[in-house]
Structure formats: C-alpha cells, structure tokens
Amino acid sequence: MEHSHQENGTVAMQKPNTGAIWRTFWFLLAATTIEFIVAFTMTDPSMKMLRISIFLILTLYKAFYIVGEFMHLKHEVKVLIWSIVLPVSFIVWFVIALMVEGDSVLMVR
C-alpha cells in the first residue's frame, strides 16, 4: 500500500479501491455467464455462425476491458490507445482472412 505524508509527520494509509475490482469481477462474470448460456442453449447447427459471432464479440469486449483495467490503458492518452488497438485489429483481420481463404482452398478439391 502507498503511504502519504501529512504535514505533521504522521503517515496515513490510503484506502484500497475495492469498488473498481468488484465492478471488474461482476462485468467479467456476467460476460462469461452469457458465453456459457450461449454455448449450452444454441446447439442447433444452423445457428453456428451466430454462436461464433457472439463468442467473438464477447471475447474481444472482455479482452479490451481487461487491457483497459489491469494494464491501465484506459487512463492513457488516445494516441497510445490507438497505436495498440489498430495493429491488433489488423492482426485479427489477417487471421480471419487466412482462415476464410484456407477453408476455401480445402473446399475446391
């Protein structure tokens, strides 16, 4: 814990910010619960793309939330945030493009 010195020479302890920790816990718990509900209720093969889309969106949302909270990125300047988000989005796009193109090559046979 950090200490702050007061004018009379005594040391005061800062209160821990447990509210932010609990808020993060409840958010991640809710998102994970939604993922489990989707996994166990959307078993119809015709809903496969919708299920994958929901998983992808929730996973990316949780990832950005974790990066913002635990790596303190949400408190940084916007230029730094975009310098991290933009390359990651291109990498995600690249991986999706490779998966789509790789699948089409297999279907040509």
PDB file of N, CA and C in Angstrom:
ATOM      1  N   MET A   1       0.829  -1.177   0.000  1.00  0.00           N
ATOM      2  CA  MET A   1       0.000   0.000   0.000  1.00  0.00           C
ATOM      3  C   MET A   1       0.875   1.242   0.000  1.00  0.00           C
ATOM      4  N   GLU A   2       0.370   2.262  -0.600  1.00  0.00           N
ATOM      5  CA  GLU A   2       1.113   3.502  -0.644  1.00  0.00           C
ATOM      6  C   GLU A   2       0.854   4.308   0.615  1.00  0.00           C
ATOM      7  N   HIS A   3       1.855   5.050   1.007  1.00  0.00           N
ATOM      8  CA  HIS A   3       1.734   5.915   2.168  1.00  0.00           C
ATOM      9  C   HIS A   3       1.763   7.360   1.700  1.00  0.00           C
ATOM     10  N   SER A   4       1.043   8.200   2.363  1.00  0.00           N
ATOM     11  CA  SER A   4       1.115   9.625   2.062  1.00  0.00           C
ATOM     12  C   SER A   4       1.468  10.349   3.360  1.00  0.00           C
ATOM     13  N   HIS A   5       2.393  11.276   3.270  1.00  0.00           N
ATOM     14  CA  HIS A   5       2.837  12.003   4.453  1.00  0.00           C
ATOM     15  C   HIS A   5       1.991  13.245   4.639  1.00  0.00           C
ATOM     16  N   GLN A   6       1.535  13.428   5.843  1.00  0.00           N
ATOM     17  CA  GLN A   6       0.795  14.629   6.170  1.00  0.00           C
ATOM     18  C   GLN A   6       1.752  15.664   6.721  1.00  0.00           C
ATOM     19  N   GLU A   7       1.266  16.874   6.923  1.00  0.00           N
ATOM     20  CA  GLU A   7       2.130  17.963   7.357  1.00  0.00           C
ATOM     21  C   GLU A   7       2.697  17.748   8.755  1.00  0.00           C
ATOM     22  N   ASN A   8       2.020  17.059   9.633  1.00  0.00           N
ATOM     23  CA  ASN A   8       2.507  16.900  10.999  1.00  0.00           C
ATOM     24  C   ASN A   8       3.450  15.714  11.161  1.00  0.00           C
ATOM     25  N   GLY A   9       3.807  15.055  10.056  1.00  0.00           N
ATOM     26  CA  GLY A   9       4.779  13.983  10.121  1.00  0.00           C
ATOM     27  C   GLY A   9       4.184  12.603  10.296  1.00  0.00           C
ATOM     28  N   THR A  10       2.884  12.474  10.479  1.00  0.00           N
ATOM     29  CA  THR A  10       2.269  11.160  10.608  1.00  0.00           C
ATOM     30  C   THR A  10       2.027  10.567   9.228  1.00  0.00           C
ATOM     31  N   VAL A  11       1.883   9.278   9.193  1.00  0.00           N
ATOM     32  CA  VAL A  11       1.665   8.574   7.936  1.00  0.00           C
ATOM     33  C   VAL A  11       0.217   8.097   7.882  1.00  0.00           C
ATOM     34  N   ALA A  12      -0.467   8.423   6.787  1.00  0.00           N
ATOM     35  CA  ALA A  12      -1.855   7.986   6.608  1.00  0.00           C
ATOM     36  C   ALA A  12      -1.898   6.922   5.519  1.00  0.00           C
ATOM     37  N   MET A  13      -2.675   5.905   5.753  1.00  0.00           N
ATOM     38  CA  MET A  13      -2.816   4.831   4.772  1.00  0.00           C
ATOM     39  C   MET A  13      -3.933   5.168   3.805  1.00  0.00           C
ATOM     40  N   GLN A  14      -3.698   4.904   2.501  1.00  0.00           N
ATOM     41  CA  GLN A  14      -4.750   5.106   1.512  1.00  0.00           C
ATOM     42  C   GLN A  14      -5.689   3.912   1.532  1.00  0.00           C
ATOM     43  N   LYS A  15      -6.971   4.182   1.299  1.00  0.00           N
ATOM     44  CA  LYS A  15      -7.946   3.100   1.217  1.00  0.00           C
ATOM     45  C   LYS A  15      -7.782   2.395  -0.126  1.00  0.00           C
ATOM     46  N   PRO A  16      -7.843   1.068  -0.130  1.00  0.00           N
ATOM     47  CA  PRO A  16      -7.777   0.362  -1.408  1.00  0.00           C
ATOM     48  C   PRO A  16      -9.049   0.604  -2.218  1.00  0.00           C
ATOM     49  N   ASN A  17      -8.912   0.600  -3.517  1.00  0.00           N
ATOM     50  CA  ASN A  17     -10.049   0.848  -4.405  1.00  0.00           C
ATOM     51  C   ASN A  17     -10.731  -0.480  -4.726  1.00  0.00           C
ATOM     52  N   THR A  18     -11.448  -1.023  -3.773  1.00  0.00           N
ATOM     53  CA  THR A  18     -12.107  -2.321  -3.978  1.00  0.00           C
ATOM     54  C   THR A  18     -13.326  -2.212  -4.871  1.00  0.00           C
ATOM     55  N   GLY A  19     -13.903  -1.020  -4.994  1.00  0.00           N
ATOM     56  CA  GLY A  19     -15.074  -0.844  -5.849  1.00  0.00           C
ATOM     57  C   GLY A  19     -14.767  -1.164  -7.304  1.00  0.00           C
ATOM     58  N   ALA A  20     -13.626  -0.702  -7.793  1.00  0.00           N
ATOM     59  CA  ALA A  20     -13.238  -0.973  -9.183  1.00  0.00           C
ATOM     60  C   ALA A  20     -12.961  -2.457  -9.392  1.00  0.00           C
ATOM     61  N   ILE A  21     -12.375  -3.098  -8.392  1.00  0.00           N
ATOM     62  CA  ILE A  21     -12.090  -4.528  -8.505  1.00  0.00           C
ATOM     63  C   ILE A  21     -13.383  -5.323  -8.577  1.00  0.00           C
ATOM     64  N   TRP A  22     -14.337  -4.991  -7.716  1.00  0.00           N
ATOM     65  CA  TRP A  22     -15.616  -5.704  -7.734  1.00  0.00           C
ATOM     66  C   TRP A  22     -16.388  -5.425  -9.017  1.00  0.00           C
ATOM     67  N   ARG A  23     -16.334  -4.199  -9.520  1.00  0.00           N
ATOM     68  CA  ARG A  23     -17.002  -3.869 -10.782  1.00  0.00           C
ATOM     69  C   ARG A  23     -16.424  -4.711 -11.925  1.00  0.00           C
ATOM     70  N   THR A  24     -15.119  -4.849 -11.951  1.00  0.00           N
ATOM     71  CA  THR A  24     -14.464  -5.669 -12.971  1.00  0.00           C
ATOM     72  C   THR A  24     -14.865  -7.130 -12.823  1.00  0.00           C
ATOM     73  N   PHE A  25     -14.885  -7.626 -11.589  1.00  0.00           N
ATOM     74  CA  PHE A  25     -15.277  -9.004 -11.339  1.00  0.00           C
ATOM     75  C   PHE A  25     -16.689  -9.274 -11.846  1.00  0.00           C
ATOM     76  N   TRP A  26     -17.647  -8.410 -11.506  1.00  0.00           N
ATOM     77  CA  TRP A  26     -19.038  -8.633 -11.901  1.00  0.00           C
ATOM     78  C   TRP A  26     -19.212  -8.527 -13.407  1.00  0.00           C
ATOM     79  N   PHE A  27     -18.495  -7.606 -14.048  1.00  0.00           N
ATOM     80  CA  PHE A  27     -18.576  -7.489 -15.503  1.00  0.00           C
ATOM     81  C   PHE A  27     -18.067  -8.760 -16.178  1.00  0.00           C
ATOM     82  N   LEU A  28     -16.893  -9.236 -15.771  1.00  0.00           N
ATOM     83  CA  LEU A  28     -16.325 -10.438 -16.382  1.00  0.00           C
ATOM     84  C   LEU A  28     -17.176 -11.670 -16.069  1.00  0.00           C
ATOM     85  N   LEU A  29     -17.740 -11.739 -14.878  1.00  0.00           N
ATOM     86  CA  LEU A  29     -18.621 -12.855 -14.529  1.00  0.00           C
ATOM     87  C   LEU A  29     -19.866 -12.850 -15.413  1.00  0.00           C
ATOM     88  N   ALA A  30     -20.467 -11.690 -15.620  1.00  0.00           N
ATOM     89  CA  ALA A  30     -21.664 -11.595 -16.456  1.00  0.00           C
ATOM     90  C   ALA A  30     -21.366 -11.983 -17.900  1.00  0.00           C
ATOM     91  N   ALA A  31     -20.260 -11.480 -18.446  1.00  0.00           N
ATOM     92  CA  ALA A  31     -19.908 -11.802 -19.834  1.00  0.00           C
ATOM     93  C   ALA A  31     -19.622 -13.294 -19.990  1.00  0.00           C
ATOM     94  N   THR A  32     -18.934 -13.891 -19.031  1.00  0.00           N
ATOM     95  CA  THR A  32     -18.638 -15.317 -19.088  1.00  0.00           C
ATOM     96  C   THR A  32     -19.905 -16.150 -18.930  1.00  0.00           C
ATOM     97  N   THR A  33     -20.815 -15.712 -18.079  1.00  0.00           N
ATOM     98  CA  THR A  33     -22.099 -16.411 -17.913  1.00  0.00           C
ATOM     99  C   THR A  33     -22.886 -16.391 -19.214  1.00  0.00           C
ATOM    100  N   ILE A  34     -22.908 -15.256 -19.893  1.00  0.00           N
ATOM    101  CA  ILE A  34     -23.584 -15.173 -21.187  1.00  0.00           C
ATOM    102  C   ILE A  34     -22.952 -16.136 -22.187  1.00  0.00           C
ATOM    103  N   GLU A  35     -21.633 -16.223 -22.183  1.00  0.00           N
ATOM    104  CA  GLU A  35     -20.955 -17.166 -23.083  1.00  0.00           C
ATOM    105  C   GLU A  35     -21.364 -18.609 -22.787  1.00  0.00           C
ATOM    106  N   PHE A  36     -21.442 -18.967 -21.512  1.00  0.00           N
ATOM    107  CA  PHE A  36     -21.860 -20.331 -21.156  1.00  0.00           C
ATOM    108  C   PHE A  36     -23.302 -20.598 -21.564  1.00  0.00           C
ATOM    109  N   ILE A  37     -24.177 -19.626 -21.349  1.00  0.00           N
ATOM    110  CA  ILE A  37     -25.575 -19.790 -21.744  1.00  0.00           C
ATOM    111  C   ILE A  37     -25.680 -19.982 -23.249  1.00  0.00           C
ATOM    112  N   VAL A  38     -24.955 -19.187 -24.004  1.00  0.00           N
ATOM    113  CA  VAL A  38     -24.964 -19.326 -25.465  1.00  0.00           C
ATOM    114  C   VAL A  38     -24.421 -20.692 -25.867  1.00  0.00           C
ATOM    115  N   ALA A  39     -23.356 -21.145 -25.227  1.00  0.00           N
ATOM    116  CA  ALA A  39     -22.742 -22.429 -25.587  1.00  0.00           C
ATOM    117  C   ALA A  39     -23.681 -23.602 -25.351  1.00  0.00           C
ATOM    118  N   PHE A  40     -24.459 -23.543 -24.275  1.00  0.00           N
ATOM    119  CA  PHE A  40     -25.290 -24.688 -23.933  1.00  0.00           C
ATOM    120  C   PHE A  40     -26.720 -24.601 -24.457  1.00  0.00           C
ATOM    121  N   THR A  41     -27.149 -23.435 -24.933  1.00  0.00           N
ATOM    122  CA  THR A  41     -28.519 -23.328 -25.444  1.00  0.00           C
ATOM    123  C   THR A  41     -28.582 -23.239 -26.963  1.00  0.00           C
ATOM    124  N   MET A  42     -27.558 -22.751 -27.606  1.00  0.00           N
ATOM    125  CA  MET A  42     -27.560 -22.603 -29.066  1.00  0.00           C
ATOM    126  C   MET A  42     -26.826 -23.793 -29.694  1.00  0.00           C
ATOM    127  N   THR A  43     -27.412 -24.950 -29.601  1.00  0.00           N
ATOM    128  CA  THR A  43     -26.746 -26.160 -30.105  1.00  0.00           C
ATOM    129  C   THR A  43     -27.169 -26.510 -31.529  1.00  0.00           C
ATOM    130  N   ASP A  44     -28.135 -25.798 -32.077  1.00  0.00           N
ATOM    131  CA  ASP A  44     -28.611 -26.065 -33.433  1.00  0.00           C
ATOM    132  C   ASP A  44     -27.505 -25.726 -34.439  1.00  0.00           C
ATOM    133  N   PRO A  45     -27.171 -26.658 -35.349  1.00  0.00           N
ATOM    134  CA  PRO A  45     -26.103 -26.398 -36.324  1.00  0.00           C
ATOM    135  C   PRO A  45     -26.381 -25.197 -37.228  1.00  0.00           C
ATOM    136  N   SER A  46     -27.643 -24.856 -37.440  1.00  0.00           N
ATOM    137  CA  SER A  46     -27.949 -23.704 -38.291  1.00  0.00           C
ATOM    138  C   SER A  46     -27.596 -22.382 -37.603  1.00  0.00           C
ATOM    139  N   MET A  47     -27.390 -22.406 -36.303  1.00  0.00           N
ATOM    140  CA  MET A  47     -27.039 -21.182 -35.551  1.00  0.00           C
ATOM    141  C   MET A  47     -25.548 -21.099 -35.245  1.00  0.00           C
ATOM    142  N   LYS A  48     -24.752 -21.904 -35.923  1.00  0.00           N
ATOM    143  CA  LYS A  48     -23.322 -21.963 -35.642  1.00  0.00           C
ATOM    144  C   LYS A  48     -22.631 -20.619 -35.850  1.00  0.00           C
ATOM    145  N   MET A  49     -22.925 -19.932 -36.946  1.00  0.00           N
ATOM    146  CA  MET A  49     -22.274 -18.653 -37.221  1.00  0.00           C
ATOM    147  C   MET A  49     -22.689 -17.590 -36.206  1.00  0.00           C
ATOM    148  N   LEU A  50     -23.949 -17.591 -35.799  1.00  0.00           N
ATOM    149  CA  LEU A  50     -24.405 -16.641 -34.790  1.00  0.00           C
ATOM    150  C   LEU A  50     -23.705 -16.898 -33.460  1.00  0.00           C
ATOM    151  N   ARG A  51     -23.588 -18.170 -33.089  1.00  0.00           N
ATOM    152  CA  ARG A  51     -22.913 -18.537 -31.842  1.00  0.00           C
ATOM    153  C   ARG A  51     -21.446 -18.108 -31.870  1.00  0.00           C
ATOM    154  N   ILE A  52     -20.769 -18.357 -32.978  1.00  0.00           N
ATOM    155  CA  ILE A  52     -19.365 -17.960 -33.104  1.00  0.00           C
ATOM    156  C   ILE A  52     -19.234 -16.442 -33.053  1.00  0.00           C
ATOM    157  N   SER A  53     -20.152 -15.738 -33.692  1.00  0.00           N
ATOM    158  CA  SER A  53     -20.116 -14.275 -33.682  1.00  0.00           C
ATOM    159  C   SER A  53     -20.292 -13.725 -32.274  1.00  0.00           C
ATOM    160  N   ILE A  54     -21.228 -14.311 -31.525  1.00  0.00           N
ATOM    161  CA  ILE A  54     -21.439 -13.870 -30.144  1.00  0.00           C
ATOM    162  C   ILE A  54     -20.196 -14.129 -29.302  1.00  0.00           C
ATOM    163  N   PHE A  55     -19.596 -15.311 -29.454  1.00  0.00           N
ATOM    164  CA  PHE A  55     -18.362 -15.619 -28.726  1.00  0.00           C
ATOM    165  C   PHE A  55     -17.254 -14.642 -29.082  1.00  0.00           C
ATOM    166  N   LEU A  56     -17.099 -14.357 -30.354  1.00  0.00           N
ATOM    167  CA  LEU A  56     -16.028 -13.460 -30.809  1.00  0.00           C
ATOM    168  C   LEU A  56     -16.227 -12.057 -30.248  1.00  0.00           C
ATOM    169  N   ILE A  57     -17.443 -11.546 -30.319  1.00  0.00           N
ATOM    170  CA  ILE A  57     -17.719 -10.193 -29.823  1.00  0.00           C
ATOM    171  C   ILE A  57     -17.496 -10.115 -28.315  1.00  0.00           C
ATOM    172  N   LEU A  58     -18.021 -11.091 -27.570  1.00  0.00           N
ATOM    173  CA  LEU A  58     -17.843 -11.075 -26.112  1.00  0.00           C
ATOM    174  C   LEU A  58     -16.379 -11.248 -25.713  1.00  0.00           C
ATOM    175  N   THR A  59     -15.663 -12.101 -26.432  1.00  0.00           N
ATOM    176  CA  THR A  59     -14.250 -12.313 -26.122  1.00  0.00           C
ATOM    177  C   THR A  59     -13.442 -11.055 -26.369  1.00  0.00           C
ATOM    178  N   LEU A  60     -13.676 -10.386 -27.485  1.00  0.00           N
ATOM    179  CA  LEU A  60     -12.958  -9.138 -27.770  1.00  0.00           C
ATOM    180  C   LEU A  60     -13.324  -8.058 -26.751  1.00  0.00           C
ATOM    181  N   TYR A  61     -14.605  -7.984 -26.393  1.00  0.00           N
ATOM    182  CA  TYR A  61     -15.038  -6.997 -25.415  1.00  0.00           C
ATOM    183  C   TYR A  61     -14.367  -7.241 -24.058  1.00  0.00           C
ATOM    184  N   LYS A  62     -14.314  -8.510 -23.641  1.00  0.00           N
ATOM    185  CA  LYS A  62     -13.657  -8.843 -22.375  1.00  0.00           C
ATOM    186  C   LYS A  62     -12.158  -8.551 -22.453  1.00  0.00           C
ATOM    187  N   ALA A  63     -11.549  -8.863 -23.586  1.00  0.00           N
ATOM    188  CA  ALA A  63     -10.106  -8.621 -23.732  1.00  0.00           C
ATOM    189  C   ALA A  63      -9.787  -7.136 -23.629  1.00  0.00           C
ATOM    190  N   PHE A  64     -10.549  -6.300 -24.321  1.00  0.00           N
ATOM    191  CA  PHE A  64     -10.299  -4.862 -24.255  1.00  0.00           C
ATOM    192  C   PHE A  64     -10.593  -4.318 -22.857  1.00  0.00           C
ATOM    193  N   TYR A  65     -11.583  -4.863 -22.190  1.00  0.00           N
ATOM    194  CA  TYR A  65     -11.892  -4.432 -20.828  1.00  0.00           C
ATOM    195  C   TYR A  65     -10.746  -4.796 -19.881  1.00  0.00           C
ATOM    196  N   ILE A  66     -10.222  -5.999 -20.016  1.00  0.00           N
ATOM    197  CA  ILE A  66      -9.110  -6.442 -19.169  1.00  0.00           C
ATOM    198  C   ILE A  66      -7.874  -5.593 -19.421  1.00  0.00           C
ATOM    199  N   VAL A  67      -7.587  -5.331 -20.690  1.00  0.00           N
ATOM    200  CA  VAL A  67      -6.424  -4.490 -21.020  1.00  0.00           C
ATOM    201  C   VAL A  67      -6.619  -3.090 -20.449  1.00  0.00           C
ATOM    202  N   GLY A  68      -7.818  -2.554 -20.562  1.00  0.00           N
ATOM    203  CA  GLY A  68      -8.078  -1.219 -20.040  1.00  0.00           C
ATOM    204  C   GLY A  68      -7.963  -1.144 -18.531  1.00  0.00           C
ATOM    205  N   GLU A  69      -8.452  -2.157 -17.840  1.00  0.00           N
ATOM    206  CA  GLU A  69      -8.448  -2.142 -16.376  1.00  0.00           C
ATOM    207  C   GLU A  69      -7.093  -2.533 -15.785  1.00  0.00           C
ATOM    208  N   PHE A  70      -6.585  -3.687 -16.166  1.00  0.00           N
ATOM    209  CA  PHE A  70      -5.398  -4.219 -15.497  1.00  0.00           C
ATOM    210  C   PHE A  70      -4.091  -3.669 -16.049  1.00  0.00           C
ATOM    211  N   MET A  71      -4.091  -3.231 -17.295  1.00  0.00           N
ATOM    212  CA  MET A  71      -2.882  -2.617 -17.850  1.00  0.00           C
ATOM    213  C   MET A  71      -3.000  -1.094 -17.823  1.00  0.00           C
ATOM    214  N   HIS A  72      -4.083  -0.594 -17.239  1.00  0.00           N
ATOM    215  CA  HIS A  72      -4.320   0.834 -17.045  1.00  0.00           C
ATOM    216  C   HIS A  72      -4.299   1.609 -18.355  1.00  0.00           C
ATOM    217  N   LEU A  73      -4.705   0.965 -19.435  1.00  0.00           N
ATOM    218  CA  LEU A  73      -4.673   1.616 -20.737  1.00  0.00           C
ATOM    219  C   LEU A  73      -5.789   2.641 -20.882  1.00  0.00           C
ATOM    220  N   LYS A  74      -6.888   2.463 -20.170  1.00  0.00           N
ATOM    221  CA  LYS A  74      -7.996   3.404 -20.314  1.00  0.00           C
ATOM    222  C   LYS A  74      -7.659   4.774 -19.733  1.00  0.00           C
ATOM    223  N   HIS A  75      -6.587   4.862 -18.955  1.00  0.00           N
ATOM    224  CA  HIS A  75      -6.183   6.134 -18.363  1.00  0.00           C
ATOM    225  C   HIS A  75      -5.096   6.821 -19.186  1.00  0.00           C
ATOM    226  N   GLU A  76      -4.714   6.229 -20.298  1.00  0.00           N
ATOM    227  CA  GLU A  76      -3.656   6.796 -21.126  1.00  0.00           C
ATOM    228  C   GLU A  76      -4.228   7.740 -22.178  1.00  0.00           C
ATOM    229  N   VAL A  77      -3.329   8.391 -22.899  1.00  0.00           N
ATOM    230  CA  VAL A  77      -3.756   9.294 -23.971  1.00  0.00           C
ATOM    231  C   VAL A  77      -4.280   8.471 -25.145  1.00  0.00           C
ATOM    232  N   LYS A  78      -5.149   9.064 -25.930  1.00  0.00           N
ATOM    233  CA  LYS A  78      -5.819   8.358 -27.025  1.00  0.00           C
ATOM    234  C   LYS A  78      -4.840   7.870 -28.085  1.00  0.00           C
ATOM    235  N   VAL A  79      -3.771   8.602 -28.334  1.00  0.00           N
ATOM    236  CA  VAL A  79      -2.805   8.199 -29.360  1.00  0.00           C
ATOM    237  C   VAL A  79      -2.159   6.863 -28.984  1.00  0.00           C
ATOM    238  N   LEU A  80      -1.829   6.674 -27.708  1.00  0.00           N
ATOM    239  CA  LEU A  80      -1.244   5.419 -27.262  1.00  0.00           C
ATOM    240  C   LEU A  80      -2.245   4.281 -27.404  1.00  0.00           C
ATOM    241  N   ILE A  81      -3.494   4.539 -27.060  1.00  0.00           N
ATOM    242  CA  ILE A  81      -4.529   3.512 -27.184  1.00  0.00           C
ATOM    243  C   ILE A  81      -4.668   3.082 -28.636  1.00  0.00           C
ATOM    244  N   TRP A  82      -4.749   4.043 -29.555  1.00  0.00           N
ATOM    245  CA  TRP A  82      -4.909   3.712 -30.972  1.00  0.00           C
ATOM    246  C   TRP A  82      -3.656   3.046 -31.539  1.00  0.00           C
ATOM    247  N   SER A  83      -2.477   3.371 -31.012  1.00  0.00           N
ATOM    248  CA  SER A  83      -1.255   2.721 -31.500  1.00  0.00           C
ATOM    249  C   SER A  83      -1.202   1.250 -31.101  1.00  0.00           C
ATOM    250  N   ILE A  84      -1.997   0.860 -30.115  1.00  0.00           N
ATOM    251  CA  ILE A  84      -2.079  -0.545 -29.717  1.00  0.00           C
ATOM    252  C   ILE A  84      -3.272  -1.227 -30.390  1.00  0.00           C
ATOM    253  N   VAL A  85      -4.426  -0.562 -30.422  1.00  0.00           N
ATOM    254  CA  VAL A  85      -5.650  -1.166 -30.950  1.00  0.00           C
ATOM    255  C   VAL A  85      -5.577  -1.379 -32.461  1.00  0.00           C
ATOM    256  N   LEU A  86      -5.052  -0.414 -33.195  1.00  0.00           N
ATOM    257  CA  LEU A  86      -5.025  -0.514 -34.657  1.00  0.00           C
ATOM    258  C   LEU A  86      -4.203  -1.712 -35.153  1.00  0.00           C
ATOM    259  N   PRO A  87      -2.953  -1.911 -34.698  1.00  0.00           N
ATOM    260  CA  PRO A  87      -2.223  -3.104 -35.151  1.00  0.00           C
ATOM    261  C   PRO A  87      -2.894  -4.418 -34.742  1.00  0.00           C
ATOM    262  N   VAL A  88      -3.468  -4.457 -33.548  1.00  0.00           N
ATOM    263  CA  VAL A  88      -4.152  -5.680 -33.109  1.00  0.00           C
ATOM    264  C   VAL A  88      -5.347  -5.971 -34.002  1.00  0.00           C
ATOM    265  N   SER A  89      -6.092  -4.934 -34.386  1.00  0.00           N
ATOM    266  CA  SER A  89      -7.245  -5.157 -35.264  1.00  0.00           C
ATOM    267  C   SER A  89      -6.803  -5.663 -36.632  1.00  0.00           C
ATOM    268  N   PHE A  90      -5.674  -5.180 -37.137  1.00  0.00           N
ATOM    269  CA  PHE A  90      -5.160  -5.700 -38.411  1.00  0.00           C
ATOM    270  C   PHE A  90      -4.722  -7.159 -38.284  1.00  0.00           C
ATOM    271  N   ILE A  91      -4.152  -7.518 -37.159  1.00  0.00           N
ATOM    272  CA  ILE A  91      -3.739  -8.910 -36.943  1.00  0.00           C
ATOM    273  C   ILE A  91      -4.970  -9.815 -36.880  1.00  0.00           C
ATOM    274  N   VAL A  92      -6.010  -9.366 -36.187  1.00  0.00           N
ATOM    275  CA  VAL A  92      -7.253 -10.143 -36.116  1.00  0.00           C
ATOM    276  C   VAL A  92      -7.846 -10.301 -37.513  1.00  0.00           C
ATOM    277  N   TRP A  93      -7.884  -9.213 -38.266  1.00  0.00           N
ATOM    278  CA  TRP A  93      -8.392  -9.275 -39.647  1.00  0.00           C
ATOM    279  C   TRP A  93      -7.562 -10.250 -40.482  1.00  0.00           C
ATOM    280  N   PHE A  94      -6.246 -10.227 -40.326  1.00  0.00           N
ATOM    281  CA  PHE A  94      -5.348 -11.114 -41.066  1.00  0.00           C
ATOM    282  C   PHE A  94      -5.627 -12.579 -40.735  1.00  0.00           C
ATOM    283  N   VAL A  95      -5.803 -12.885 -39.468  1.00  0.00           N
ATOM    284  CA  VAL A  95      -6.073 -14.264 -39.062  1.00  0.00           C
ATOM    285  C   VAL A  95      -7.421 -14.734 -39.616  1.00  0.00           C
ATOM    286  N   ILE A  96      -8.430 -13.871 -39.555  1.00  0.00           N
ATOM    287  CA  ILE A  96      -9.742 -14.229 -40.110  1.00  0.00           C
ATOM    288  C   ILE A  96      -9.638 -14.448 -41.615  1.00  0.00           C
ATOM    289  N   ALA A  97      -8.917 -13.573 -42.312  1.00  0.00           N
ATOM    290  CA  ALA A  97      -8.745 -13.727 -43.757  1.00  0.00           C
ATOM    291  C   ALA A  97      -8.030 -15.032 -44.089  1.00  0.00           C
ATOM    292  N   LEU A  98      -7.017 -15.386 -43.314  1.00  0.00           N
ATOM    293  CA  LEU A  98      -6.307 -16.648 -43.544  1.00  0.00           C
ATOM    294  C   LEU A  98      -7.225 -17.847 -43.312  1.00  0.00           C
ATOM    295  N   MET A  99      -8.068 -17.770 -42.280  1.00  0.00           N
ATOM    296  CA  MET A  99      -8.978 -18.883 -42.005  1.00  0.00           C
ATOM    297  C   MET A  99     -10.013 -19.028 -43.114  1.00  0.00           C
ATOM    298  N   VAL A 100     -10.539 -17.908 -43.582  1.00  0.00           N
ATOM    299  CA  VAL A 100     -11.543 -17.956 -44.650  1.00  0.00           C
ATOM    300  C   VAL A 100     -10.920 -18.456 -45.945  1.00  0.00           C
ATOM    301  N   GLU A 101      -9.787 -17.937 -46.316  1.00  0.00           N
ATOM    302  CA  GLU A 101      -9.124 -18.357 -47.551  1.00  0.00           C
ATOM    303  C   GLU A 101      -8.630 -19.797 -47.452  1.00  0.00           C
ATOM    304  N   GLY A 102      -8.125 -20.186 -46.304  1.00  0.00           N
ATOM    305  CA  GLY A 102      -7.666 -21.563 -46.123  1.00  0.00           C
ATOM    306  C   GLY A 102      -8.803 -22.561 -46.247  1.00  0.00           C
ATOM    307  N   ASP A 103      -9.958 -22.194 -45.743  1.00  0.00           N
ATOM    308  CA  ASP A 103     -11.133 -23.041 -45.828  1.00  0.00           C
ATOM    309  C   ASP A 103     -11.609 -23.154 -47.272  1.00  0.00           C
ATOM    310  N   SER A 104     -11.533 -22.065 -48.030  1.00  0.00           N
ATOM    311  CA  SER A 104     -11.982 -22.116 -49.423  1.00  0.00           C
ATOM    312  C   SER A 104     -11.048 -22.978 -50.283  1.00  0.00           C
ATOM    313  N   VAL A 105      -9.782 -23.021 -49.943  1.00  0.00           N
ATOM    314  CA  VAL A 105      -8.841 -23.876 -50.666  1.00  0.00           C
ATOM    315  C   VAL A 105      -9.182 -25.340 -50.430  1.00  0.00           C
ATOM    316  N   LEU A 106      -9.557 -25.673 -49.213  1.00  0.00           N
ATOM    317  CA  LEU A 106      -9.913 -27.052 -48.908  1.00  0.00           C
ATOM    318  C   LEU A 106     -11.203 -27.467 -49.597  1.00  0.00           C
ATOM    319  N   MET A 107     -12.115 -26.530 -49.821  1.00  0.00           N
ATOM    320  CA  MET A 107     -13.404 -26.856 -50.435  1.00  0.00           C
ATOM    321  C   MET A 107     -13.311 -27.012 -51.953  1.00  0.00           C
ATOM    322  N   VAL A 108     -12.225 -26.554 -52.578  1.00  0.00           N
ATOM    323  CA  VAL A 108     -12.073 -26.607 -54.038  1.00  0.00           C
ATOM    324  C   VAL A 108     -11.866 -28.054 -54.499  1.00  0.00           C
ATOM    325  N   ARG A 109     -11.231 -28.845 -53.681  1.00  0.00           N
ATOM    326  CA  ARG A 109     -10.910 -30.213 -54.061  1.00  0.00           C
ATOM    327  C   ARG A 109     -12.106 -30.910 -54.506  1.00  0.00           C
TER     328      ARG A 109
END
